[in-house]
C-alpha atoms as a PDB file:
ATOM      1  CA  MET A   1     104.958 136.053  85.175  1.00  0.00           C
ATOM      2  CA  GLN A   2     107.362 135.901  88.299  1.00  0.00           C
ATOM      3  CA  ALA A   3     105.313 137.107  90.643  1.00  0.00           C
ATOM      4  CA  LEU A   4     102.380 134.615  89.590  1.00  0.00           C
ATOM      5  CA  ARG A   5     104.947 131.976  89.683  1.00  0.00           C
ATOM      6  CA  HIS A   6     106.264 133.038  93.492  1.00  0.00           C
ATOM      7  CA  LYS A   7     102.437 132.633  94.729  1.00  0.00           C
ATOM      8  CA  THR A   8     102.246 129.125  93.094  1.00  0.00           C
ATOM      9  CA  ASP A   9     105.496 127.907  94.948  1.00  0.00           C
ATOM     10  CA  ILE A  10     104.370 129.655  98.331  1.00  0.00           C
ATOM     11  CA  SER A  11     100.958 127.673  97.730  1.00  0.00           C
ATOM     12  CA  ARG A  12     102.860 124.779  97.533  1.00  0.00           C
ATOM     13  CA  LEU A  13     105.015 124.961 100.089  1.00  0.00           C
ATOM     14  CA  LEU A  14     101.916 125.992 102.523  1.00  0.00           C
ATOM     15  CA  SER A  15     100.369 122.797 100.849  1.00  0.00           C
ATOM     16  CA  LEU A  16     103.222 120.828 101.352  1.00  0.00           C
ATOM     17  CA  VAL A  17     103.014 121.822 105.476  1.00  0.00           C
ATOM     18  CA  LEU A  18      99.505 121.287 105.839  1.00  0.00           C
ATOM     19  CA  LEU A  19     100.203 117.646 104.751  1.00  0.00           C
ATOM     20  CA  ILE A  20     103.191 117.462 106.767  1.00  0.00           C
ATOM     21  CA  VAL A  21     101.288 118.491 110.052  1.00  0.00           C
ATOM     22  CA  GLY A  22      98.309 116.414 108.715  1.00  0.00           C
ATOM     23  CA  ALA A  23     100.560 113.296 108.705  1.00  0.00           C
ATOM     24  CA  ALA A  24     102.101 114.118 112.202  1.00  0.00           C
ATOM     25  CA  ILE A  25      98.060 114.194 113.684  1.00  0.00           C
ATOM     26  CA  VAL A  26      97.403 111.050 112.049  1.00  0.00           C
ATOM     27  CA  LEU A  27     100.934 108.978 112.538  1.00  0.00           C
ATOM     28  CA  VAL A  28     102.134 110.174 116.029  1.00  0.00           C
ATOM     29  CA  PRO A  29      99.127 108.370 118.188  1.00  0.00           C
ATOM     30  CA  LEU A  30      99.978 105.386 115.847  1.00  0.00           C
ATOM     31  CA  LEU A  31     103.658 105.281 116.313  1.00  0.00           C
ATOM     32  CA  TRP A  32     103.101 106.142 120.157  1.00  0.00           C
ATOM     33  CA  THR A  33     100.849 103.028 119.968  1.00  0.00           C
ATOM     34  CA  ILE A  34     102.721 100.505 118.714  1.00  0.00           C
ATOM     35  CA  SER A  35     106.081 101.934 120.813  1.00  0.00           C
ATOM     36  CA  THR A  36     103.774 101.301 124.186  1.00  0.00           C
ATOM     37  CA  SER A  37     103.088  97.773 123.002  1.00  0.00           C
ATOM     38  CA  LEU A  38     106.713  96.672 123.107  1.00  0.00           C
ATOM     39  CA  LYS A  39     107.716  98.216 126.364  1.00  0.00           C
ATOM     40  CA  THR A  40     107.486  96.849 129.319  1.00  0.00           C
ATOM     41  CA  PRO A  41     104.868  98.098 132.447  1.00  0.00           C
ATOM     42  CA  ALA A  42     107.600 100.136 134.172  1.00  0.00           C
ATOM     43  CA  GLU A  43     108.693 102.036 130.789  1.00  0.00           C
ATOM     44  CA  VAL A  44     105.011 102.602 129.870  1.00  0.00           C
ATOM     45  CA  PHE A  45     104.967 106.269 131.893  1.00  0.00           C
ATOM     46  CA  MET A  46     108.884 106.822 131.235  1.00  0.00           C
ATOM     47  CA  ASP A  47     109.991 109.850 128.687  1.00  0.00           C
ATOM     48  CA  SER A  48     111.282 107.620 126.310  1.00  0.00           C
ATOM     49  CA  PHE A  49     109.196 107.728 123.000  1.00  0.00           C
ATOM     50  CA  LEU A  50     111.110 104.176 122.184  1.00  0.00           C
ATOM     51  CA  PRO A  51     111.420 101.269 124.410  1.00  0.00           C
ATOM     52  CA  LYS A  52     114.476 100.040 126.170  1.00  0.00           C
ATOM     53  CA  GLN A  53     113.445  96.632 125.784  1.00  0.00           C
ATOM     54  CA  TRP A  54     111.639  95.537 122.843  1.00  0.00           C
ATOM     55  CA  LYS A  55     108.989  93.170 124.139  1.00  0.00           C
ATOM     56  CA  TRP A  56     107.988  91.016 121.007  1.00  0.00           C
ATOM     57  CA  ASP A  57     106.135  89.043 123.219  1.00  0.00           C
ATOM     58  CA  ASN A  58     103.528  91.375 124.567  1.00  0.00           C
ATOM     59  CA  TYR A  59     101.394  89.945 121.279  1.00  0.00           C
ATOM     60  CA  ALA A  60     101.653  86.846 122.154  1.00  0.00           C
ATOM     61  CA  SER A  61     100.794  87.564 126.316  1.00  0.00           C
ATOM     62  CA  ALA A  62      97.435  89.915 124.757  1.00  0.00           C
ATOM     63  CA  VAL A  63      96.223  86.852 122.762  1.00  0.00           C
ATOM     64  CA  SER A  64      96.587  84.456 125.181  1.00  0.00           C
ATOM     65  CA  ALA A  65      95.215  87.074 127.886  1.00  0.00           C
ATOM     66  CA  ILE A  66      91.512  87.376 126.577  1.00  0.00           C
ATOM     67  CA  PRO A  67      89.972  84.871 124.405  1.00  0.00           C
ATOM     68  CA  PHE A  68      91.254  86.584 121.453  1.00  0.00           C
ATOM     69  CA  PHE A  69      90.420  84.163 118.672  1.00  0.00           C
ATOM     70  CA  LEU A  70      86.926  83.460 120.107  1.00  0.00           C
ATOM     71  CA  PHE A  71      86.299  87.201 119.596  1.00  0.00           C
ATOM     72  CA  LEU A  72      87.452  86.933 116.314  1.00  0.00           C
ATOM     73  CA  LYS A  73      85.210  84.552 115.478  1.00  0.00           C
ATOM     74  CA  ASN A  74      81.975  86.767 117.271  1.00  0.00           C
ATOM     75  CA  THR A  75      83.586  89.801 114.997  1.00  0.00           C
ATOM     76  CA  LEU A  76      83.482  87.646 111.802  1.00  0.00           C
ATOM     77  CA  ILE A  77      80.108  86.206 112.960  1.00  0.00           C
ATOM     78  CA  ILE A  78      78.915  89.737 112.856  1.00  0.00           C
ATOM     79  CA  LEU A  79      80.541  91.236 110.100  1.00  0.00           C
ATOM     80  CA  ILE A  80      80.213  89.054 107.098  1.00  0.00           C
ATOM     81  CA  PRO A  81      76.454  88.931 106.668  1.00  0.00           C
ATOM     82  CA  VAL A  82      76.267  92.991 107.776  1.00  0.00           C
ATOM     83  CA  MET A  83      78.519  93.402 104.664  1.00  0.00           C
ATOM     84  CA  ILE A  84      76.744  91.405 102.277  1.00  0.00           C
ATOM     85  CA  GLY A  85      73.448  92.626 103.903  1.00  0.00           C
ATOM     86  CA  THR A  86      74.320  96.497 103.819  1.00  0.00           C
ATOM     87  CA  VAL A  87      76.155  96.517 100.223  1.00  0.00           C
ATOM     88  CA  PHE A  88      73.021  94.325  98.642  1.00  0.00           C
ATOM     89  CA  SER A  89      70.113  96.538 100.122  1.00  0.00           C
ATOM     90  CA  ALA A  90      71.770  99.563  99.513  1.00  0.00           C
ATOM     91  CA  ALA A  91      72.124  98.682  96.378  1.00  0.00           C
ATOM     92  CA  LEU A  92      68.850  97.228  95.914  1.00  0.00           C
ATOM     93  CA  CYS A  93      67.348 100.663  97.482  1.00  0.00           C
ATOM     94  CA  ALA A  94      70.007 102.660  95.346  1.00  0.00           C
ATOM     95  CA  TYR A  95      68.140 101.163  91.850  1.00  0.00           C
ATOM     96  CA  GLY A  96      64.946 102.048  92.904  1.00  0.00           C
ATOM     97  CA  PHE A  97      65.907 105.976  93.784  1.00  0.00           C
ATOM     98  CA  ALA A  98      67.928 105.877  89.994  1.00  0.00           C
ATOM     99  CA  ARG A  99      65.772 103.840  87.723  1.00  0.00           C
ATOM    100  CA  PHE A 100      62.610 103.889  88.636  1.00  0.00           C
ATOM    101  CA  ARG A 101      59.615 106.548  88.332  1.00  0.00           C
ATOM    102  CA  PHE A 102      57.094 106.911  91.126  1.00  0.00           C
ATOM    103  CA  LYS A 103      54.995 109.084  92.684  1.00  0.00           C
ATOM    104  CA  GLY A 104      56.835 111.004  95.550  1.00  0.00           C
ATOM    105  CA  LYS A 105      60.232 109.647  94.837  1.00  0.00           C
ATOM    106  CA  LYS A 106      62.167 113.085  95.598  1.00  0.00           C
ATOM    107  CA  ILE A 107      59.759 113.412  99.001  1.00  0.00           C
ATOM    108  CA  LEU A 108      61.079 110.030  99.554  1.00  0.00           C
ATOM    109  CA  PHE A 109      64.751 110.633  98.781  1.00  0.00           C
ATOM    110  CA  LEU A 110      64.881 113.923 100.906  1.00  0.00           C
ATOM    111  CA  ILE A 111      63.399 111.957 103.707  1.00  0.00           C
ATOM    112  CA  LEU A 112      66.101 109.668 103.526  1.00  0.00           C
ATOM    113  CA  LEU A 113      68.700 112.156 103.142  1.00  0.00           C
ATOM    114  CA  ALA A 114      67.037 113.566 106.009  1.00  0.00           C
ATOM    115  CA  THR A 115      67.695 110.843 108.196  1.00  0.00           C
ATOM    116  CA  MET A 116      71.642 111.523 108.168  1.00  0.00           C
ATOM    117  CA  MET A 117      70.990 114.817 110.576  1.00  0.00           C
ATOM    118  CA  LEU A 118      69.632 112.360 113.142  1.00  0.00           C
ATOM    119  CA  PRO A 119      72.228 111.409 115.629  1.00  0.00           C
ATOM    120  CA  GLY A 120      72.555 108.289 116.528  1.00  0.00           C
ATOM    121  CA  GLN A 121      71.847 108.858 120.294  1.00  0.00           C
ATOM    122  CA  VAL A 122      68.028 109.721 118.933  1.00  0.00           C
ATOM    123  CA  THR A 123      67.343 105.907 118.314  1.00  0.00           C
ATOM    124  CA  MET A 124      69.306 104.564 120.600  1.00  0.00           C
ATOM    125  CA  ILE A 125      66.808 104.051 122.834  1.00  0.00           C
ATOM    126  CA  PRO A 126      63.533 102.987 120.832  1.00  0.00           C
ATOM    127  CA  MET A 127      66.170 100.968 118.960  1.00  0.00           C
ATOM    128  CA  PHE A 128      66.754  98.863 122.327  1.00  0.00           C
ATOM    129  CA  ILE A 129      63.470  98.759 123.356  1.00  0.00           C
ATOM    130  CA  LEU A 130      62.571  97.352 120.280  1.00  0.00           C
ATOM    131  CA  PHE A 131      64.619  94.575 119.978  1.00  0.00           C
ATOM    132  CA  LYS A 132      64.383  93.934 123.730  1.00  0.00           C
ATOM    133  CA  GLU A 133      60.549  93.186 123.219  1.00  0.00           C
ATOM    134  CA  LEU A 134      61.666  91.032 120.439  1.00  0.00           C
ATOM    135  CA  GLY A 135      64.383  89.234 122.929  1.00  0.00           C
ATOM    136  CA  TRP A 136      66.800  89.835 120.780  1.00  0.00           C
ATOM    137  CA  VAL A 137      69.204  91.286 123.477  1.00  0.00           C
ATOM    138  CA  ASP A 138      72.521  89.233 124.248  1.00  0.00           C
ATOM    139  CA  THR A 139      72.484  87.951 120.737  1.00  0.00           C
ATOM    140  CA  PHE A 140      74.012  89.004 117.627  1.00  0.00           C
ATOM    141  CA  LEU A 141      70.632  89.855 115.378  1.00  0.00           C
ATOM    142  CA  PRO A 142      70.384  93.380 116.639  1.00  0.00           C
ATOM    143  CA  LEU A 143      73.742  93.964 115.136  1.00  0.00           C
ATOM    144  CA  ILE A 144      73.336  91.958 111.666  1.00  0.00           C
ATOM    145  CA  ILE A 145      69.222  92.412 111.038  1.00  0.00           C
ATOM    146  CA  PRO A 146      69.183  96.290 110.491  1.00  0.00           C
ATOM    147  CA  ALA A 147      71.558  96.263 107.656  1.00  0.00           C
ATOM    148  CA  PHE A 148      69.391  94.118 105.348  1.00  0.00           C
ATOM    149  CA  PHE A 149      66.854  96.995 105.930  1.00  0.00           C
ATOM    150  CA  GLY A 150      68.457  99.587 103.216  1.00  0.00           C
ATOM    151  CA  GLY A 151      72.067  99.579 104.184  1.00  0.00           C
ATOM    152  CA  GLY A 152      72.383 103.622 104.886  1.00  0.00           C
ATOM    153  CA  ALA A 153      71.347 106.757 104.386  1.00  0.00           C
ATOM    154  CA  PHE A 154      74.699 107.530 103.108  1.00  0.00           C
ATOM    155  CA  ASN A 155      75.508 104.292 101.196  1.00  0.00           C
ATOM    156  CA  ILE A 156      72.190 104.183  99.002  1.00  0.00           C
ATOM    157  CA  PHE A 157      73.205 108.095  98.162  1.00  0.00           C
ATOM    158  CA  LEU A 158      76.714 107.433  97.068  1.00  0.00           C
ATOM    159  CA  ILE A 159      75.418 104.429  95.011  1.00  0.00           C
ATOM    160  CA  ARG A 160      72.202 106.092  93.566  1.00  0.00           C
ATOM    161  CA  GLN A 161      74.417 108.791  92.377  1.00  0.00           C
ATOM    162  CA  PHE A 162      76.616 106.657  90.252  1.00  0.00           C
ATOM    163  CA  MET A 163      74.301 104.626  89.056  1.00  0.00           C
ATOM    164  CA  ARG A 164      72.038 107.812  87.706  1.00  0.00           C
ATOM    165  CA  GLY A 165      75.454 108.470  85.648  1.00  0.00           C
ATOM    166  CA  ILE A 166      74.760 104.718  83.936  1.00  0.00           C
ATOM    167  CA  PRO A 167      73.324 105.286  80.207  1.00  0.00           C
ATOM    168  CA  ARG A 168      69.730 104.245  80.117  1.00  0.00           C
ATOM    169  CA  ASP A 169      70.502 102.710  76.753  1.00  0.00           C
ATOM    170  CA  LEU A 170      71.861  99.830  78.606  1.00  0.00           C
ATOM    171  CA  ASP A 171      68.566  98.769  80.681  1.00  0.00           C
ATOM    172  CA  GLU A 172      66.381  99.670  76.926  1.00  0.00           C
ATOM    173  CA  ALA A 173      68.831  96.810  75.434  1.00  0.00           C
ATOM    174  CA  ALA A 174      68.781  94.375  77.950  1.00  0.00           C
ATOM    175  CA  PHE A 175      65.061  95.035  77.762  1.00  0.00           C
ATOM    176  CA  VAL A 176      64.711  94.008  74.231  1.00  0.00           C
ATOM    177  CA  ASP A 177      67.093  91.264  74.640  1.00  0.00           C
ATOM    178  CA  GLY A 178      63.883  89.863  77.208  1.00  0.00           C
ATOM    179  CA  ALA A 179      65.486  90.731  80.588  1.00  0.00           C
ATOM    180  CA  ASN A 180      63.512  91.932  83.435  1.00  0.00           C
ATOM    181  CA  ARG A 181      64.501  94.562  86.152  1.00  0.00           C
ATOM    182  CA  TRP A 182      65.833  92.315  88.369  1.00  0.00           C
ATOM    183  CA  THR A 183      68.025  90.591  85.401  1.00  0.00           C
ATOM    184  CA  ILE A 184      69.327  94.098  84.972  1.00  0.00           C
ATOM    185  CA  PHE A 185      69.754  94.767  88.185  1.00  0.00           C
ATOM    186  CA  THR A 186      72.278  92.062  88.784  1.00  0.00           C
ATOM    187  CA  ARG A 187      73.307  91.544  85.571  1.00  0.00           C
ATOM    188  CA  VAL A 188      73.971  94.569  84.478  1.00  0.00           C
ATOM    189  CA  MET A 189      73.903  97.826  86.946  1.00  0.00           C
ATOM    190  CA  LEU A 190      75.874  95.379  90.130  1.00  0.00           C
ATOM    191  CA  PRO A 191      78.845  94.772  87.899  1.00  0.00           C
ATOM    192  CA  LEU A 192      79.282  98.697  86.373  1.00  0.00           C
ATOM    193  CA  CYS A 193      78.529  99.784  90.091  1.00  0.00           C
ATOM    194  CA  LYS A 194      82.363  98.236  91.567  1.00  0.00           C
ATOM    195  CA  PRO A 195      83.521 101.090  92.364  1.00  0.00           C
ATOM    196  CA  PRO A 196      80.784 102.436  94.788  1.00  0.00           C
ATOM    197  CA  LEU A 197      80.270  98.976  96.085  1.00  0.00           C
ATOM    198  CA  ILE A 198      83.469  98.740  97.061  1.00  0.00           C
ATOM    199  CA  ALA A 199      83.477 101.985  99.114  1.00  0.00           C
ATOM    200  CA  VAL A 200      80.727 100.891 100.726  1.00  0.00           C
ATOM    201  CA  SER A 201      82.281  97.427 101.488  1.00  0.00           C
ATOM    202  CA  ILE A 202      85.169  99.370 103.083  1.00  0.00           C
ATOM    203  CA  PHE A 203      82.888 101.573 104.980  1.00  0.00           C
ATOM    204  CA  THR A 204      80.945  98.434 106.528  1.00  0.00           C
ATOM    205  CA  PHE A 205      84.134  96.798 107.292  1.00  0.00           C
ATOM    206  CA  MET A 206      85.414  99.962 108.936  1.00  0.00           C
ATOM    207  CA  GLY A 207      81.999 100.493 110.779  1.00  0.00           C
ATOM    208  CA  VAL A 208      81.593  96.844 112.225  1.00  0.00           C
ATOM    209  CA  TRP A 209      85.248  95.824 112.843  1.00  0.00           C
ATOM    210  CA  ASN A 210      85.966  99.300 115.206  1.00  0.00           C
ATOM    211  CA  ASP A 211      82.143  99.285 116.337  1.00  0.00           C
ATOM    212  CA  PHE A 212      82.187  99.448 120.479  1.00  0.00           C
ATOM    213  CA  GLN A 213      79.183 100.906 121.077  1.00  0.00           C
ATOM    214  CA  GLY A 214      76.884  98.563 119.482  1.00  0.00           C
ATOM    215  CA  PRO A 215      78.378  95.347 120.815  1.00  0.00           C
ATOM    216  CA  LEU A 216      78.374  97.129 124.599  1.00  0.00           C
ATOM    217  CA  ILE A 217      74.586  97.853 124.253  1.00  0.00           C
ATOM    218  CA  TYR A 218      73.542  94.658 123.000  1.00  0.00           C
ATOM    219  CA  LEU A 219      76.309  91.842 124.425  1.00  0.00           C
ATOM    220  CA  ASN A 220      75.940  91.207 127.829  1.00  0.00           C
ATOM    221  CA  THR A 221      77.651  87.570 127.929  1.00  0.00           C
ATOM    222  CA  THR A 222      81.731  87.411 127.807  1.00  0.00           C
ATOM    223  CA  GLU A 223      81.503  84.571 125.318  1.00  0.00           C
ATOM    224  CA  LYS A 224      79.833  86.847 122.813  1.00  0.00           C
ATOM    225  CA  TYR A 225      82.008  90.058 122.858  1.00  0.00           C
ATOM    226  CA  THR A 226      83.662  91.128 120.094  1.00  0.00           C
ATOM    227  CA  LEU A 227      87.290  91.889 119.748  1.00  0.00           C
ATOM    228  CA  ALA A 228      86.127  95.969 119.861  1.00  0.00           C
ATOM    229  CA  LEU A 229      84.875  94.804 123.599  1.00  0.00           C
ATOM    230  CA  GLY A 230      86.904  92.568 124.284  1.00  0.00           C
ATOM    231  CA  LEU A 231      89.512  95.116 124.892  1.00  0.00           C
ATOM    232  CA  SER A 232      88.105  96.654 128.039  1.00  0.00           C
ATOM    233  CA  MET A 233      89.186  93.494 129.602  1.00  0.00           C
ATOM    234  CA  PHE A 234      92.575  94.742 129.392  1.00  0.00           C
ATOM    235  CA  LYS A 235      91.288  97.812 131.891  1.00  0.00           C
ATOM    236  CA  GLY A 236      91.250  96.737 135.658  1.00  0.00           C
ATOM    237  CA  MET A 237      89.461  98.232 138.325  1.00  0.00           C
ATOM    238  CA  TYR A 238      92.639 100.060 139.759  1.00  0.00           C
ATOM    239  CA  ASN A 239      94.614 100.001 137.033  1.00  0.00           C
ATOM    240  CA  VAL A 240      95.367  99.533 132.676  1.00  0.00           C
ATOM    241  CA  GLU A 241      97.796  96.660 131.672  1.00  0.00           C
ATOM    242  CA  TRP A 242      98.541  99.604 128.755  1.00  0.00           C
ATOM    243  CA  ASN A 243     101.308  97.597 127.498  1.00  0.00           C
ATOM    244  CA  MET A 244      98.791  94.684 126.619  1.00  0.00           C
ATOM    245  CA  LEU A 245      96.226  96.863 125.869  1.00  0.00           C
ATOM    246  CA  MET A 246      98.355  98.684 123.164  1.00  0.00           C
ATOM    247  CA  ALA A 247      99.605  94.968 121.755  1.00  0.00           C
ATOM    248  CA  ALA A 248      95.997  94.062 121.487  1.00  0.00           C
ATOM    249  CA  THR A 249      95.186  97.476 119.765  1.00  0.00           C
ATOM    250  CA  VAL A 250      97.662  97.088 117.074  1.00  0.00           C
ATOM    251  CA  LEU A 251      96.677  93.491 116.163  1.00  0.00           C
ATOM    252  CA  ILE A 252      92.957  94.316 115.840  1.00  0.00           C
ATOM    253  CA  MET A 253      93.756  97.479 113.660  1.00  0.00           C
ATOM    254  CA  LEU A 254      96.167  95.214 111.399  1.00  0.00           C
ATOM    255  CA  PRO A 255      93.295  93.940 109.409  1.00  0.00           C
ATOM    256  CA  ALA A 256      91.847  97.196 109.071  1.00  0.00           C
ATOM    257  CA  LEU A 257      94.665  98.986 107.825  1.00  0.00           C
ATOM    258  CA  ILE A 258      95.852  96.367 105.257  1.00  0.00           C
ATOM    259  CA  VAL A 259      92.191  96.160 103.856  1.00  0.00           C
ATOM    260  CA  PHE A 260      92.244  99.791 103.191  1.00  0.00           C
ATOM    261  CA  PHE A 261      95.885  99.932 101.946  1.00  0.00           C
ATOM    262  CA  PHE A 262      94.992  97.338  99.505  1.00  0.00           C
ATOM    263  CA  ALA A 263      91.778  99.111  98.301  1.00  0.00           C
ATOM    264  CA  GLN A 264      92.420 102.502  98.637  1.00  0.00           C
ATOM    265  CA  LYS A 265      92.416 102.941  94.651  1.00  0.00           C
ATOM    266  CA  TYR A 266      88.670 101.465  94.533  1.00  0.00           C
ATOM    267  CA  PHE A 267      87.465 103.691  97.783  1.00  0.00           C
ATOM    268  CA  ILE A 268      89.155 106.439  96.419  1.00  0.00           C
ATOM    269  CA  GLU A 269      87.432 105.622  92.615  1.00  0.00           C
ATOM    270  CA  GLY A 270      84.262 105.078  94.086  1.00  0.00           C
ATOM    271  CA  ILE A 271      84.011 108.367  95.930  1.00  0.00           C
ATOM    272  CA  SER A 272      85.001 110.485  93.014  1.00  0.00           C
ATOM    273  CA  LEU A 273      83.310 108.848  90.423  1.00  0.00           C
ATOM    274  CA  SER A 274      79.951 109.040  92.314  1.00  0.00           C
ATOM    275  CA  SER A 275      80.603 112.460  93.303  1.00  0.00           C
ATOM    276  CA  ALA A 276      81.365 113.554  89.591  1.00  0.00           C
ATOM    277  CA  MET A 277      77.832 112.220  88.566  1.00  0.00           C
ATOM    278  CA  LYS A 278      74.688 114.391  88.113  1.00  0.00           C
ATOM    279  CA  GLY A 279      72.731 114.666  91.075  1.00  0.00           C
END
């Protein structure tokens, strides 16, 4: 009994050490970013971790150094429709895979899952050529429209797993009451799928808010830059204003941290419940 208890204590200690190491790996770069954002340019490359002079006005200077609020507006113009399109279209596709019976459904679902194995670099050039032929380059359309065509294989899979765990008796009861498929989807399935829908919303928010590659490829005009792309304006030809860059990075990172902090309960619940549902 004592030996078993001793092994349990050792495993708990090792788990605690691993958690501390993991937290340090995550927190040290974040703390370095915040510390650098409060330094003067001369202090950036000094050995001291904390600034000697706390330059809180770096944040105001970073906002005024670039058209910050214009970039914020551009980011929101992309973010809001992408979140709506991704969540709705992913839920609609998931509903089809979870509730409809049709020939070749399993094969189509396997093909859908197989698309997650494709790296983004494979489809990058064909997608760019397609949007160029449509005349959508240097517009927000290439960053918005694809969200309304499926919402991503992983998102569909996550919501589909959750929907499969919802009893079909609810569908049959709704049919008896005269509801059609669309009514069941909007009035029954979507309210019950709140946890995975919130998880998908958080994934989408993080992806769009921090997206650098997409705007870099399709946006050429400075007035159409997003916040992530606007950070590159702090990099000159011969030097980088690290304190200004880190101050702007903290400001851009703050909304994502706030969203995740307040929604982490639903995020964890959506992932865990979907994983627990039958596949």
